[in-house]
Protein backbone atom coordinates (compact mmCIF):
# COMPACT_ATOMS: atom_id res chain seq x y z
CA MET A 1 -13.30 0.41 9.12
CA SER A 2 -11.87 2.08 12.21
CA LYS A 3 -14.16 3.58 14.78
CA HIS A 4 -13.18 7.10 13.66
CA THR A 5 -13.81 6.63 9.92
CA LEU A 6 -17.15 7.85 8.60
CA PRO A 7 -18.95 6.03 5.80
CA LYS A 8 -18.42 7.59 2.35
CA PRO A 9 -21.84 9.32 2.21
CA ALA A 10 -21.20 10.93 5.59
CA GLN A 11 -17.71 12.06 4.49
CA ASP A 12 -19.24 13.56 1.33
CA ASN A 13 -21.93 15.34 3.32
CA ARG A 14 -19.36 16.75 5.76
CA ALA A 15 -17.16 17.95 2.88
CA ASN A 16 -20.16 19.64 1.23
CA GLN A 17 -21.10 21.34 4.49
CA LEU A 18 -17.57 22.80 4.74
CA ASN A 19 -17.46 23.98 1.13
CA PRO A 20 -18.83 27.51 0.57
CA ALA A 21 -19.31 26.70 -3.14
CA HIS A 22 -21.91 24.02 -2.26
CA PRO A 23 -25.52 24.79 -1.23
CA ALA A 24 -25.23 22.31 1.69
CA TYR A 25 -22.78 24.78 3.31
CA TYR A 26 -25.52 27.36 3.63
CA ARG A 27 -28.41 24.97 4.31
CA SER A 28 -26.47 23.44 7.22
CA ARG A 29 -26.36 26.97 8.66
CA GLY A 30 -30.11 27.45 8.44
CA ILE A 31 -30.25 29.38 5.17
CA PRO A 32 -33.36 28.62 3.05
CA GLU A 33 -32.71 26.50 -0.05
CA PRO A 34 -33.24 29.18 -2.75
CA VAL A 35 -30.90 31.60 -0.97
CA ALA A 36 -28.40 28.79 -0.31
CA ASP A 37 -28.32 28.02 -4.03
CA GLN A 38 -27.70 31.70 -4.82
CA GLN A 39 -24.92 32.02 -2.27
CA ALA A 40 -23.21 28.86 -3.49
CA GLU A 41 -23.35 30.10 -7.11
CA ARG A 42 -21.85 33.41 -6.00
CA ALA A 43 -19.03 31.54 -4.25
CA ARG A 44 -18.37 29.48 -7.39
CA GLU A 45 -18.23 32.67 -9.48
CA ASP A 46 -15.75 34.19 -7.00
CA GLU A 47 -13.55 31.11 -7.33
CA ARG A 48 -13.55 31.41 -11.13
CA ALA A 49 -12.86 35.17 -11.16
CA PRO A 50 -9.27 36.08 -12.08
CA LYS A 51 -7.23 37.36 -9.19
CA ALA A 52 -5.51 40.77 -9.39
CA ASP A 53 -2.10 39.20 -8.59
CA ASP A 54 -2.16 36.36 -11.13
CA GLY A 55 0.90 37.73 -12.95
CA ASP A 56 4.46 36.51 -13.11
CA ARG A 57 5.53 35.86 -9.55
CA THR A 58 9.29 36.03 -10.34
CA GLU A 59 9.10 39.73 -11.20
CA GLY A 60 10.73 41.79 -8.47
CA CYS A 61 12.09 38.81 -6.47
CA HIS A 62 15.02 39.73 -4.26
CA TRP A 63 17.13 36.90 -5.65
CA GLU A 64 16.56 37.72 -9.31
CA GLY A 65 19.82 38.44 -11.14
CA THR A 66 22.11 37.38 -8.34
CA GLU A 67 24.80 34.77 -8.71
CA GLY A 68 25.55 31.82 -6.62
């Protein structure tokens, strides 16, 4: 293990603290646990919500219908 590589549990903890969909993100910022759980759930719901622009991305492209 190099001197800059964290052990797996430390890597997991760091990843969780950087992930808004995980309660550790909010707890590491001083948010109480019940509120952190609610905020993380809200972030997960936002990730699952369909986006307004999830349609066909080729529609209206400038290159559509051109040759060569």
